[in-house]
Protein backbone atom coordinates (compact mmCIF):
# COMPACT_ATOMS: atom_id res chain seq x y z
CA UNK A 1 32.07 -51.15 -36.66
CA UNK A 2 34.55 -49.53 -34.30
CA UNK A 3 37.87 -48.80 -35.99
CA UNK A 4 41.29 -49.19 -34.37
CA UNK A 5 42.22 -46.59 -31.79
CA UNK A 6 44.46 -43.79 -32.95
CA UNK A 7 45.00 -42.99 -29.28
CA UNK A 8 46.49 -46.44 -28.67
CA UNK A 9 49.09 -45.99 -31.39
CA UNK A 10 49.95 -42.39 -30.51
CA UNK A 11 50.58 -43.55 -26.95
CA UNK A 12 53.60 -45.51 -28.21
CA UNK A 13 55.49 -42.28 -29.04
CA UNK A 14 58.14 -41.38 -26.46
CA UNK A 15 57.90 -37.97 -24.80
CA UNK A 16 61.14 -36.10 -25.69
CA UNK A 17 60.83 -33.54 -22.88
CA UNK A 18 62.58 -33.52 -19.52
CA UNK A 19 60.28 -34.46 -16.63
CA UNK A 20 60.44 -31.02 -15.04
CA UNK A 21 59.08 -29.42 -18.23
CA UNK A 22 56.06 -31.74 -18.61
CA UNK A 23 53.22 -29.46 -17.63
CA UNK A 24 50.93 -31.02 -20.27
CA UNK A 25 50.57 -34.66 -21.29
CA UNK A 26 52.09 -35.59 -24.65
CA UNK A 27 48.95 -37.50 -25.70
CA UNK A 28 46.77 -34.42 -25.03
CA UNK A 29 49.07 -32.31 -27.20
CA UNK A 30 49.02 -34.87 -30.02
CA UNK A 31 45.25 -35.34 -30.01
CA UNK A 32 44.55 -31.58 -29.90
CA UNK A 33 46.90 -31.11 -32.85
CA UNK A 34 45.21 -33.79 -34.96
CA UNK A 35 41.76 -32.43 -34.11
CA UNK A 36 42.92 -28.85 -34.70
CA UNK A 37 44.13 -29.67 -38.21
CA UNK A 38 40.91 -31.55 -38.91
CA UNK A 39 38.97 -28.46 -37.82
CA UNK A 40 40.61 -26.17 -40.40
CA UNK A 41 43.57 -24.75 -38.45
CA UNK A 42 47.01 -24.54 -40.09
CA UNK A 43 49.40 -23.18 -37.43
CA UNK A 44 49.98 -23.30 -33.68
CA UNK A 45 48.31 -19.98 -32.91
CA UNK A 46 45.11 -21.02 -34.68
CA UNK A 47 45.11 -24.42 -32.97
CA UNK A 48 45.47 -22.85 -29.52
CA UNK A 49 42.64 -20.36 -30.22
CA UNK A 50 40.40 -23.20 -31.42
CA UNK A 51 41.30 -25.42 -28.44
CA UNK A 52 40.65 -22.65 -25.90
CA UNK A 53 37.26 -21.99 -27.49
CA UNK A 54 36.42 -25.73 -27.26
CA UNK A 55 38.16 -26.47 -23.96
CA UNK A 56 35.05 -27.69 -22.14
CA UNK A 57 34.30 -30.17 -24.95
CA UNK A 58 37.92 -31.37 -25.13
CA UNK A 59 37.89 -32.03 -21.37
CA UNK A 60 35.14 -34.62 -21.85
CA UNK A 61 37.75 -37.03 -23.28
CA UNK A 62 41.18 -35.46 -22.56
CA UNK A 63 42.66 -34.81 -19.11
CA UNK A 64 44.05 -31.26 -19.69
CA UNK A 65 45.04 -30.93 -16.03
CA UNK A 66 46.71 -27.56 -16.68
CA UNK A 67 44.40 -26.27 -19.39
CA UNK A 68 45.32 -25.75 -23.05
CA UNK A 69 49.07 -25.70 -23.84
CA UNK A 70 50.54 -22.50 -25.30
CA UNK A 71 51.55 -22.22 -28.95
CA UNK A 72 55.20 -22.27 -27.83
CA UNK A 73 54.61 -25.64 -26.16
CA UNK A 74 53.09 -27.11 -29.32
CA UNK A 75 55.99 -25.77 -31.40
CA UNK A 76 58.64 -27.07 -29.00
CA UNK A 77 57.11 -30.54 -28.63
CA UNK A 78 56.65 -31.13 -32.36
CA UNK A 79 60.19 -29.93 -33.03
CA UNK A 80 61.51 -32.58 -30.60
CA UNK A 81 59.32 -35.65 -31.32
CA UNK A 82 61.25 -38.42 -33.08
CA UNK A 83 59.71 -38.42 -36.60
CA UNK A 84 60.63 -42.06 -37.18
CA UNK A 85 58.61 -43.06 -34.12
CA UNK A 86 55.73 -40.87 -35.27
CA UNK A 87 55.75 -42.45 -38.74
CA UNK A 88 55.88 -45.95 -37.22
CA UNK A 89 52.84 -45.15 -35.05
CA UNK A 90 50.97 -43.85 -38.08
CA UNK A 91 51.75 -46.91 -40.19
CA UNK A 92 50.78 -49.21 -37.34
CA UNK A 93 47.43 -47.41 -37.01
CA UNK A 94 46.68 -47.47 -40.74
CA UNK A 95 47.85 -51.08 -40.92
CA UNK A 96 44.91 -52.11 -38.75
CA UNK A 97 42.56 -50.96 -41.49
CA UNK A 98 43.92 -53.54 -43.90
CA UNK A 99 41.19 -56.11 -43.29
CA UNK A 100 38.57 -53.42 -43.81
CA UNK A 101 39.94 -51.67 -46.88
CA UNK A 102 42.73 -53.75 -48.41
CA UNK A 103 41.47 -57.31 -48.38
CA UNK A 104 42.44 -58.80 -51.71
CA UNK A 105 39.67 -60.61 -53.55
CA UNK A 106 40.04 -63.81 -55.55
CA UNK A 107 38.84 -61.76 -58.54
CA UNK A 108 42.03 -60.05 -59.77
CA UNK A 109 40.08 -56.99 -60.94
CA UNK A 110 39.26 -56.24 -57.28
CA UNK A 111 42.89 -56.21 -56.10
CA UNK A 112 43.88 -53.12 -54.09
CA UNK A 113 45.93 -50.52 -55.96
CA UNK A 114 48.71 -48.66 -54.14
CA UNK A 115 50.54 -45.71 -55.72
CA UNK A 116 53.88 -44.53 -54.37
CA UNK A 117 55.15 -41.07 -55.25
CA UNK A 118 57.12 -38.16 -53.82
CA UNK A 119 56.00 -34.59 -53.13
CA UNK A 120 58.14 -31.52 -52.55
CA UNK A 121 57.01 -29.29 -49.66
CA UNK A 122 57.72 -25.89 -51.15
CA UNK A 123 57.53 -24.03 -47.85
CA UNK A 124 60.78 -25.71 -46.79
CA UNK A 125 62.77 -24.34 -49.73
CA UNK A 126 65.78 -22.17 -48.97
CA UNK A 127 65.67 -19.62 -51.78
CA UNK A 128 69.47 -19.44 -51.78
CA UNK A 129 69.49 -23.17 -52.69
CA UNK A 130 66.12 -23.69 -54.42
CA UNK A 131 66.90 -27.05 -56.05
CA UNK A 132 68.53 -28.94 -53.17
CA UNK A 133 67.16 -27.54 -49.91
CA UNK A 134 63.49 -28.55 -49.94
CA UNK A 135 62.06 -31.39 -47.87
CA UNK A 136 60.30 -34.14 -49.81
CA UNK A 137 57.78 -36.72 -48.64
CA UNK A 138 57.23 -40.08 -50.31
CA UNK A 139 53.67 -41.24 -49.68
CA UNK A 140 51.92 -44.55 -50.27
CA UNK A 141 48.36 -43.96 -51.43
CA UNK A 142 45.67 -46.64 -51.65
CA UNK A 143 43.24 -45.50 -54.33
CA UNK A 144 40.86 -48.35 -53.47
CA UNK A 145 40.32 -46.95 -49.96
CA UNK A 146 41.23 -43.30 -50.54
CA UNK A 147 43.74 -43.47 -47.67
CA UNK A 148 47.39 -42.63 -47.05
CA UNK A 149 49.14 -45.82 -45.92
CA UNK A 150 52.48 -44.31 -44.94
CA UNK A 151 55.11 -41.66 -45.58
CA UNK A 152 58.87 -41.26 -45.40
CA UNK A 153 61.08 -38.21 -45.77
CA UNK A 154 63.66 -37.69 -48.50
CA UNK A 155 65.96 -34.79 -49.40
CA UNK A 156 64.63 -33.17 -52.55
CA UNK A 157 67.24 -32.68 -55.28
CA UNK A 158 69.58 -35.43 -54.02
CA UNK A 159 67.94 -38.40 -55.81
CA UNK A 160 67.12 -40.16 -52.54
CA UNK A 161 63.50 -40.74 -53.54
CA UNK A 162 64.23 -44.15 -55.05
CA UNK A 163 65.87 -45.49 -51.86
CA UNK A 164 63.19 -44.00 -49.64
CA UNK A 165 60.44 -45.54 -51.82
CA UNK A 166 62.10 -48.94 -51.39
CA UNK A 167 62.30 -48.47 -47.61
CA UNK A 168 58.65 -47.40 -47.41
CA UNK A 169 57.57 -50.47 -49.40
CA UNK A 170 59.50 -52.57 -46.89
CA UNK A 171 57.43 -51.17 -44.01
CA UNK A 172 53.98 -51.74 -45.50
CA UNK A 173 51.72 -54.76 -45.63
CA UNK A 174 51.15 -55.01 -49.40
CA UNK A 175 50.17 -58.65 -49.83
CA UNK A 176 47.85 -59.00 -52.81
CA UNK A 177 48.21 -55.36 -53.89
CA UNK A 178 49.34 -53.91 -57.22
CA UNK A 179 51.98 -51.25 -56.52
CA UNK A 180 52.57 -48.50 -59.08
CA UNK A 181 55.52 -46.09 -59.34
CA UNK A 182 56.80 -43.71 -61.97
CA UNK A 183 60.05 -44.38 -63.85
CA UNK A 184 62.07 -43.29 -60.81
CA UNK A 185 61.15 -46.64 -59.25
CA UNK A 186 62.68 -48.66 -62.08
CA UNK A 187 65.41 -50.55 -60.23
CA UNK A 188 66.10 -54.13 -59.15
CA UNK A 189 65.88 -53.34 -55.42
CA UNK A 190 62.31 -52.07 -55.78
CA UNK A 191 61.25 -54.97 -58.03
CA UNK A 192 62.61 -57.45 -55.49
CA UNK A 193 61.09 -55.67 -52.49
CA UNK A 194 57.59 -55.62 -54.03
CA UNK A 195 57.75 -59.29 -55.01
CA UNK A 196 59.08 -60.12 -51.52
CA UNK A 197 55.93 -58.44 -50.15
CA UNK A 198 53.81 -60.84 -52.28
CA UNK A 199 52.54 -57.97 -54.40
CA UNK A 200 52.81 -57.05 -58.09
CA UNK A 201 54.21 -53.91 -59.68
CA UNK A 202 53.44 -51.59 -62.58
CA UNK A 203 56.36 -49.20 -63.10
CA UNK A 204 57.06 -46.54 -65.70
CA UNK A 205 59.78 -47.29 -68.22
CA UNK A 206 62.10 -44.68 -69.68
CA UNK A 207 65.66 -44.71 -70.96
CA UNK A 208 67.04 -45.14 -67.43
CA UNK A 209 66.71 -48.90 -68.17
CA UNK A 210 68.11 -48.69 -71.69
CA UNK A 211 68.11 -52.41 -72.50
CA UNK A 212 64.47 -52.95 -71.48
CA UNK A 213 63.37 -49.67 -73.07
CA UNK A 214 64.96 -50.69 -76.37
CA UNK A 215 63.12 -54.02 -76.31
CA UNK A 216 59.79 -52.28 -75.59
CA UNK A 217 60.32 -49.78 -78.38
CA UNK A 218 61.12 -52.58 -80.84
CA UNK A 219 58.17 -54.77 -79.81
CA UNK A 220 55.53 -52.06 -79.99
CA UNK A 221 56.96 -50.55 -83.19
CA UNK A 222 56.59 -53.86 -85.03
CA UNK A 223 53.30 -53.42 -86.89
CA UNK A 224 53.16 -56.76 -88.71
CA UNK A 225 49.73 -58.42 -88.23
CA UNK A 226 51.29 -61.59 -86.76
CA UNK A 227 52.97 -59.62 -84.00
CA UNK A 228 50.07 -57.23 -83.36
CA UNK A 229 47.90 -60.29 -82.69
CA UNK A 230 50.04 -61.08 -79.63
CA UNK A 231 49.01 -57.84 -77.89
CA UNK A 232 46.20 -57.62 -75.33
CA UNK A 233 44.50 -54.26 -75.77
CA UNK A 234 41.82 -52.08 -74.17
CA UNK A 235 40.67 -48.63 -75.33
CA UNK A 236 38.85 -45.90 -73.38
CA UNK A 237 37.52 -42.49 -74.31
CA UNK A 238 36.78 -39.43 -72.17
CA UNK A 239 34.96 -36.27 -73.26
CA UNK A 240 34.37 -32.93 -71.59
CA UNK A 241 35.04 -29.18 -71.74
CA UNK A 242 35.98 -29.21 -75.42
CA UNK A 243 38.43 -32.06 -74.91
CA UNK A 244 38.26 -35.62 -76.24
CA UNK A 245 40.88 -38.13 -75.06
CA UNK A 246 41.29 -41.66 -76.36
CA UNK A 247 43.62 -43.93 -74.38
CA UNK A 248 44.84 -47.28 -75.64
CA UNK A 249 46.45 -49.71 -73.17
CA UNK A 250 48.50 -52.56 -74.68
CA UNK A 251 50.24 -55.40 -72.86
CA UNK A 252 52.46 -58.21 -74.13
CA UNK A 253 54.18 -61.13 -72.39
CA UNK A 254 57.92 -60.86 -72.97
CA UNK A 255 58.15 -64.64 -73.50
CA UNK A 256 55.50 -64.52 -76.23
CA UNK A 257 57.35 -61.81 -78.13
CA UNK A 258 59.42 -64.42 -79.95
CA UNK A 259 59.89 -62.16 -82.95
CA UNK A 260 62.47 -60.19 -80.91
CA UNK A 261 65.20 -62.79 -80.49
CA UNK A 262 68.39 -60.76 -80.17
CA UNK A 263 70.98 -61.34 -77.44
CA UNK A 264 70.16 -57.82 -76.26
CA UNK A 265 66.62 -58.94 -75.36
CA UNK A 266 67.87 -62.08 -73.56
CA UNK A 267 70.38 -60.04 -71.54
CA UNK A 268 67.75 -57.47 -70.57
CA UNK A 269 65.34 -59.98 -69.07
CA UNK A 270 67.97 -62.12 -67.38
CA UNK A 271 68.88 -59.03 -65.35
CA UNK A 272 65.23 -58.28 -64.51
CA UNK A 273 63.50 -61.67 -64.12
CA UNK A 274 60.41 -60.25 -62.34
CA UNK A 275 59.31 -58.35 -65.45
CA UNK A 276 56.68 -60.59 -67.05
CA UNK A 277 55.09 -58.11 -69.43
CA UNK A 278 55.78 -54.81 -71.18
CA UNK A 279 53.02 -52.26 -71.65
CA UNK A 280 52.33 -49.20 -73.74
CA UNK A 281 49.79 -46.45 -73.15
CA UNK A 282 48.97 -44.16 -76.08
CA UNK A 283 46.94 -41.01 -75.36
CA UNK A 284 45.37 -39.17 -78.30
CA UNK A 285 43.89 -35.84 -77.28
CA UNK A 286 41.77 -33.48 -79.37
CA UNK A 287 41.39 -30.14 -77.62
CA UNK A 288 39.33 -27.58 -79.54
CA UNK A 289 40.41 -29.10 -82.85
CA UNK A 290 44.11 -29.46 -82.01
CA UNK A 291 45.46 -33.03 -81.83
CA UNK A 292 48.32 -34.27 -79.63
CA UNK A 293 49.64 -37.78 -79.03
CA UNK A 294 51.63 -39.08 -76.07
CA UNK A 295 53.17 -42.55 -75.70
CA UNK A 296 54.46 -44.07 -72.45
CA UNK A 297 56.00 -47.48 -71.74
CA UNK A 298 55.62 -49.60 -68.60
CA UNK A 299 56.94 -52.86 -67.17
CA UNK A 300 54.99 -55.12 -64.88
CA UNK A 301 55.01 -58.40 -62.99
CA UNK A 302 51.34 -58.91 -63.92
CA UNK A 303 50.41 -61.64 -66.41
CA UNK A 304 49.18 -60.65 -69.86
CA UNK A 305 45.70 -61.89 -68.94
CA UNK A 306 45.60 -59.07 -66.36
CA UNK A 307 45.60 -56.35 -69.03
CA UNK A 308 42.44 -54.75 -67.60
CA UNK A 309 44.03 -54.61 -64.14
CA UNK A 310 47.13 -53.10 -65.78
CA UNK A 311 44.97 -50.34 -67.30
CA UNK A 312 43.20 -49.71 -63.98
CA UNK A 313 46.53 -49.42 -62.17
CA UNK A 314 47.84 -46.84 -64.68
CA UNK A 315 44.67 -44.76 -64.33
CA UNK A 316 44.61 -44.91 -60.54
CA UNK A 317 48.32 -44.03 -60.13
CA UNK A 318 47.71 -40.40 -61.01
CA UNK A 319 45.05 -40.09 -58.30
CA UNK A 320 47.92 -39.60 -55.84
CA UNK A 321 48.49 -36.22 -57.52
CA UNK A 322 44.94 -34.88 -57.67
CA UNK A 323 43.36 -36.68 -54.70
CA UNK A 324 46.24 -36.44 -52.21
CA UNK A 325 49.01 -34.01 -53.17
CA UNK A 326 46.60 -31.42 -54.56
CA UNK A 327 44.32 -31.73 -51.50
CA UNK A 328 47.29 -31.30 -49.12
CA UNK A 329 48.30 -28.12 -50.99
CA UNK A 330 44.84 -26.60 -51.44
CA UNK A 331 42.76 -27.87 -48.49
CA UNK A 332 45.59 -28.07 -45.90
CA UNK A 333 47.85 -25.26 -47.25
CA UNK A 334 50.90 -27.51 -46.94
CA UNK A 335 53.04 -25.55 -49.40
CA UNK A 336 52.42 -22.34 -47.41
CA UNK A 337 53.09 -23.78 -43.97
CA UNK A 338 55.24 -21.66 -41.65
CA UNK A 339 56.03 -24.58 -39.31
CA UNK A 340 59.71 -25.33 -39.97
CA UNK A 341 61.51 -25.80 -36.64
CA UNK A 342 63.73 -28.94 -36.41
CA UNK A 343 61.52 -32.06 -36.87
CA UNK A 344 58.26 -30.08 -36.79
CA UNK A 345 57.73 -29.85 -40.57
CA UNK A 346 58.10 -33.61 -40.99
CA UNK A 347 55.90 -34.40 -37.99
CA UNK A 348 53.20 -31.94 -38.98
CA UNK A 349 53.21 -33.30 -42.55
CA UNK A 350 52.22 -36.61 -40.97
CA UNK A 351 49.52 -34.94 -38.84
CA UNK A 352 47.98 -33.57 -42.04
CA UNK A 353 47.86 -37.09 -43.47
CA UNK A 354 46.28 -38.38 -40.26
CA UNK A 355 43.63 -35.65 -40.46
CA UNK A 356 43.12 -36.45 -44.14
CA UNK A 357 42.53 -40.16 -43.41
CA UNK A 358 40.16 -39.40 -40.53
CA UNK A 359 38.05 -37.00 -42.58
CA UNK A 360 37.92 -39.42 -45.51
CA UNK A 361 36.70 -42.21 -43.25
CA UNK A 362 33.36 -40.63 -42.26
CA UNK A 363 30.66 -42.80 -43.91
CA UNK A 364 27.95 -40.11 -44.01
CA UNK A 365 30.13 -37.52 -45.76
CA UNK A 366 31.86 -39.56 -48.48
CA UNK A 367 31.01 -37.14 -51.31
CA UNK A 368 32.00 -33.90 -49.58
CA UNK A 369 35.42 -32.43 -50.35
CA UNK A 370 38.11 -32.49 -47.67
CA UNK A 371 38.05 -28.67 -47.60
CA UNK A 372 34.31 -28.71 -46.78
CA UNK A 373 34.81 -31.43 -44.16
CA UNK A 374 37.53 -29.33 -42.47
CA UNK A 375 35.18 -26.35 -42.31
CA UNK A 376 32.35 -28.48 -40.96
CA UNK A 377 34.64 -30.01 -38.32
CA UNK A 378 35.54 -26.48 -37.20
CA UNK A 379 31.91 -25.36 -37.06
CA UNK A 380 30.28 -28.38 -35.44
CA UNK A 381 31.68 -30.48 -32.59
CA UNK A 382 28.95 -33.05 -33.21
CA UNK A 383 30.40 -33.67 -36.65
CA UNK A 384 33.92 -33.86 -35.21
CA UNK A 385 32.57 -36.36 -32.68
CA UNK A 386 31.17 -38.43 -35.57
CA UNK A 387 34.64 -38.54 -37.10
CA UNK A 388 36.17 -39.65 -33.81
CA UNK A 389 33.61 -42.38 -33.23
CA UNK A 390 33.81 -43.73 -36.77
CA UNK A 391 37.60 -43.71 -37.07
CA UNK A 392 39.05 -44.04 -33.57
CA UNK A 393 38.17 -45.48 -30.19
CA UNK A 394 37.91 -42.03 -28.57
CA UNK A 395 34.51 -41.42 -27.05
CA UNK A 396 33.18 -38.04 -26.03
């Protein structure tokens, strides 16, 4: 199956340079950059060295009328490219994978799970203003496909993440998905936007929604047998490395919780009509004989009968940390990047996510880590060609 062409979507980006300065085609610069990051390079100098070494191979599918651009050209172009256009091209490209990876099944347990979360890029921090200067990226991660669906920039330390998350949700095709966010996404605008997209939500609940939090605390603290019977529950246990963790997921329909009849409860759910159920996750951990317990509350638009899907959504949400953010830091060295000029950091952050998606899409290398795939792409042009053929319409 031939996947949608990345080249087609990158061609929609406007060239920001004056005509007299266009010695190299914008598309050639973009494609070399994506391939260079896939092949294990992390800055412009490394990308140019790699491209010059592989110039004859690159010329089999790129024009390169004036050879390989200099590192100054790469830096200047990426500093000038409109990042909103770049993000739109990326989301358009990934959107074409929906039928392949995100087709919702009639079985609710097979519904695609999408986690939305922000990440601070530490390399952008001004040490004179460490808490307000850094650039943040909100990413949408589909755990079902292992792909980044989109990203948007926010200013770290200025509480813009909530608004940016809402805007990113508005750009994505989420029909049939279950969207998860941490407690920072607990607001009416985000509830409404997700429902408008014909999706469901599972969102963390803390004291930022005091009325709903109070109801949840009262419901799950009521231990009378009659009320405990109203809860849908599933328990899991993990063992390994001297650690045993038992997780209990509980879900209750707010309309069934008739034992909590105060005006406070009625007011809470009139303000947030999309909340159908409240959930609690209790983690009991024994690590080398020492016990700890952690309790978290959630709110969701899922029905109580979907308690297993609720549990799966909670588990998969944290994959965005260890399967995306961690990989970007460790395999792509994002937090140590020296590319900062104008729009370049934001644009290159998106290139890393493009490279990540491309490397994850190779059918024959599903089990290899992204770090190993980057090394292999740098060693072997045949492997890089396999990536191109399987994930784009480029032929070489």
